[in-house]
Amino acid sequence: MNDMTDADAKAICAALGVNTRTITDTFGRTLTVIDEEGMRILAANSPNPARGQALTDQVMAAVREEYGL
């Protein structure tokens, strides 16, 4: 779904109590980021919570492996 604006995403996060942070990457792009807790809240409120949690598990495992966390 590419038609969601940054404001839309931030509004959903705010409604669910998910904290967001704005960063600038090394290419100068402004990005909105959330932490693992926020990802889990969004997954739990998704149309398919089990799939959302499984995808969050995959993303977090890849991040931990890549960055040695």
Protein backbone atom coordinates (compact mmCIF):
# COMPACT_ATOMS: atom_id res chain seq x y z
CA MET A 1 0.00 0.00 0.00
CA ASN A 2 1.85 3.06 -1.23
CA ASP A 3 -0.93 5.62 -1.01
CA MET A 4 -0.57 6.14 2.76
CA THR A 5 1.08 9.45 3.56
CA ASP A 6 3.52 10.03 6.40
CA ALA A 7 0.77 11.97 8.15
CA ASP A 8 -1.60 8.98 7.78
CA ALA A 9 0.98 6.62 9.30
CA LYS A 10 1.69 9.00 12.17
CA ALA A 11 -2.05 9.38 12.85
CA ILE A 12 -2.51 5.60 13.05
CA CYS A 13 0.50 5.33 15.36
CA ALA A 14 -0.83 8.14 17.57
CA ALA A 15 -4.27 6.53 17.78
CA LEU A 16 -2.68 3.26 18.95
CA GLY A 17 -0.21 4.92 21.32
CA VAL A 18 2.85 4.02 19.22
CA ASN A 19 5.76 6.42 19.62
CA THR A 20 7.39 7.60 16.39
CA ARG A 21 10.71 9.28 15.78
CA THR A 22 11.86 11.22 12.73
CA ILE A 23 15.41 10.67 11.48
CA THR A 24 17.46 11.68 8.45
CA ASP A 25 19.38 8.86 6.78
CA THR A 26 22.80 9.10 5.15
CA PHE A 27 21.19 10.00 1.81
CA GLY A 28 19.36 12.98 3.32
CA ARG A 29 15.94 11.34 3.31
CA THR A 30 13.61 12.03 6.23
CA LEU A 31 12.15 8.82 7.67
CA THR A 32 9.64 8.04 10.40
CA VAL A 33 10.77 5.12 12.56
CA ILE A 34 9.26 3.05 15.36
CA ASP A 35 10.81 0.60 17.81
CA GLU A 36 10.04 -3.09 18.28
CA GLU A 37 7.34 -2.42 20.86
CA GLY A 38 5.60 -0.12 18.39
CA MET A 39 5.89 -2.71 15.63
CA ARG A 40 4.26 -5.28 17.89
CA ILE A 41 1.39 -2.92 18.74
CA LEU A 42 0.78 -2.28 15.05
CA ALA A 43 0.95 -6.02 14.31
CA ALA A 44 -1.53 -6.80 17.10
CA ASN A 45 -3.97 -4.30 15.58
CA SER A 46 -3.53 -5.46 11.99
CA PRO A 47 -6.19 -7.40 10.03
CA ASN A 48 -4.17 -10.60 10.65
CA PRO A 49 -2.41 -10.24 14.03
CA ALA A 50 -0.70 -13.65 13.89
CA ARG A 51 0.85 -12.86 10.51
CA GLY A 52 1.78 -9.38 11.70
CA GLN A 53 3.60 -10.78 14.71
CA ALA A 54 5.35 -13.40 12.56
CA LEU A 55 6.57 -10.71 10.15
CA THR A 56 7.76 -8.60 13.08
CA ASP A 57 9.68 -11.62 14.39
CA GLN A 58 11.35 -12.03 10.98
CA VAL A 59 12.27 -8.37 10.70
CA MET A 60 13.69 -8.23 14.22
CA ALA A 61 15.69 -11.45 13.71
CA ALA A 62 17.21 -10.03 10.52
CA VAL A 63 18.10 -6.76 12.27
CA ARG A 64 19.67 -8.56 15.22
CA GLU A 65 21.71 -10.78 12.90
CA GLU A 66 22.84 -7.89 10.69
CA TYR A 67 23.85 -5.61 13.55
CA GLY A 68 24.89 -8.20 16.13
CA LEU A 69 22.26 -7.17 18.67
